[in-house]
Amino acid sequence: MCLCVFWYSYRLAPEAVFPAAFDDCVKATKYFLTHAAQFHVNPERVAVAGKCNQVLFIFTSGVLTVL
């Protein structure tokens, strides 16, 4: 099995107010899924991992990207 890890950070409060962090996750997720072929990744086989709010942001941004 071959894995590709895509990690990104996002802006944090109080310097960046909501929804800055969420917007960063949406943009990064869209970029990754749009350019998945360049990373030799099947965009239909993507898993989400993280901690606390990070997972919520990444998962939700992925769902919104697909819709």
C-alpha atoms as a PDB file:
ATOM      1  CA  MET A   1       0.000   0.000   0.000  1.00  0.00           C
ATOM      2  CA  CYS A   2       1.247   3.452  -0.906  1.00  0.00           C
ATOM      3  CA  LEU A   3       0.369   6.565   1.101  1.00  0.00           C
ATOM      4  CA  CYS A   4       0.637  10.250   0.387  1.00  0.00           C
ATOM      5  CA  VAL A   5       0.438  12.694   3.292  1.00  0.00           C
ATOM      6  CA  PHE A   6      -0.827  16.184   2.573  1.00  0.00           C
ATOM      7  CA  TRP A   7      -0.456  18.530   5.500  1.00  0.00           C
ATOM      8  CA  TYR A   8      -1.155  22.205   5.745  1.00  0.00           C
ATOM      9  CA  SER A   9      -1.533  24.833   8.402  1.00  0.00           C
ATOM     10  CA  TYR A  10      -4.020  27.632   8.649  1.00  0.00           C
ATOM     11  CA  ARG A  11      -4.215  31.086  10.155  1.00  0.00           C
ATOM     12  CA  LEU A  12      -5.146  31.233  13.825  1.00  0.00           C
ATOM     13  CA  ALA A  13      -7.137  33.627  15.999  1.00  0.00           C
ATOM     14  CA  PRO A  14      -6.841  36.270  17.272  1.00  0.00           C
ATOM     15  CA  GLU A  15      -4.676  37.520  14.387  1.00  0.00           C
ATOM     16  CA  ALA A  16      -7.049  36.025  11.827  1.00  0.00           C
ATOM     17  CA  VAL A  17     -10.730  36.149  12.665  1.00  0.00           C
ATOM     18  CA  PHE A  18     -13.256  33.486  11.746  1.00  0.00           C
ATOM     19  CA  PRO A  19     -13.685  32.190   9.062  1.00  0.00           C
ATOM     20  CA  ALA A  20     -10.034  32.735   8.027  1.00  0.00           C
ATOM     21  CA  ALA A  21      -8.840  29.329   9.269  1.00  0.00           C
ATOM     22  CA  PHE A  22     -11.754  27.559   7.631  1.00  0.00           C
ATOM     23  CA  ASP A  23     -11.226  29.442   4.354  1.00  0.00           C
ATOM     24  CA  ASP A  24      -7.558  28.407   4.382  1.00  0.00           C
ATOM     25  CA  CYS A  25      -8.578  24.751   4.755  1.00  0.00           C
ATOM     26  CA  VAL A  26     -11.120  24.986   1.947  1.00  0.00           C
ATOM     27  CA  LYS A  27      -8.573  26.547  -0.413  1.00  0.00           C
ATOM     28  CA  ALA A  28      -5.875  23.991   0.453  1.00  0.00           C
ATOM     29  CA  THR A  29      -8.278  21.067   0.086  1.00  0.00           C
ATOM     30  CA  LYS A  30      -9.537  22.331  -3.271  1.00  0.00           C
ATOM     31  CA  TYR A  31      -5.968  22.765  -4.476  1.00  0.00           C
ATOM     32  CA  PHE A  32      -4.972  19.274  -3.380  1.00  0.00           C
ATOM     33  CA  LEU A  33      -7.990  17.558  -4.931  1.00  0.00           C
ATOM     34  CA  THR A  34      -7.694  19.568  -8.145  1.00  0.00           C
ATOM     35  CA  HIS A  35      -4.001  18.713  -8.491  1.00  0.00           C
ATOM     36  CA  ALA A  36      -4.203  15.154  -7.126  1.00  0.00           C
ATOM     37  CA  ALA A  37      -2.853  13.640 -10.340  1.00  0.00           C
ATOM     38  CA  GLN A  38       0.362  15.642  -9.961  1.00  0.00           C
ATOM     39  CA  PHE A  39       0.847  13.960  -6.565  1.00  0.00           C
ATOM     40  CA  HIS A  40      -0.080  10.533  -8.003  1.00  0.00           C
ATOM     41  CA  VAL A  41      -3.153  10.416  -5.766  1.00  0.00           C
ATOM     42  CA  ASN A  42      -6.631   9.173  -6.587  1.00  0.00           C
ATOM     43  CA  PRO A  43      -8.895  12.037  -5.418  1.00  0.00           C
ATOM     44  CA  GLU A  44     -11.658   9.527  -4.724  1.00  0.00           C
ATOM     45  CA  ARG A  45      -9.510   7.759  -2.098  1.00  0.00           C
ATOM     46  CA  VAL A  46      -8.596  10.487   0.362  1.00  0.00           C
ATOM     47  CA  ALA A  47      -8.627  10.070   4.149  1.00  0.00           C
ATOM     48  CA  VAL A  48      -8.724  12.797   6.794  1.00  0.00           C
ATOM     49  CA  ALA A  49      -6.688  12.892   9.992  1.00  0.00           C
ATOM     50  CA  GLY A  50      -5.815  15.533  12.525  1.00  0.00           C
ATOM     51  CA  LYS A  51      -6.705  16.743  15.965  1.00  0.00           C
ATOM     52  CA  CYS A  52      -9.498  18.839  17.459  1.00  0.00           C
ATOM     53  CA  ASN A  53     -10.661  21.684  15.224  1.00  0.00           C
ATOM     54  CA  GLN A  54      -8.186  20.724  12.531  1.00  0.00           C
ATOM     55  CA  VAL A  55     -10.179  17.595  11.690  1.00  0.00           C
ATOM     56  CA  LEU A  56     -13.443  19.511  11.648  1.00  0.00           C
ATOM     57  CA  PHE A  57     -11.994  22.162   9.335  1.00  0.00           C
ATOM     58  CA  ILE A  58     -10.379  19.654   6.995  1.00  0.00           C
ATOM     59  CA  PHE A  59     -13.379  17.310   6.868  1.00  0.00           C
ATOM     60  CA  THR A  60     -15.883  20.108   6.348  1.00  0.00           C
ATOM     61  CA  SER A  61     -13.746  21.779   3.703  1.00  0.00           C
ATOM     62  CA  GLY A  62     -13.477  18.452   1.893  1.00  0.00           C
ATOM     63  CA  VAL A  63     -17.226  17.991   1.955  1.00  0.00           C
ATOM     64  CA  LEU A  64     -17.804  21.521   0.703  1.00  0.00           C
ATOM     65  CA  THR A  65     -15.198  21.025  -2.017  1.00  0.00           C
ATOM     66  CA  VAL A  66     -17.052  17.987  -3.328  1.00  0.00           C
ATOM     67  CA  LEU A  67     -20.454  19.711  -3.268  1.00  0.00           C
END
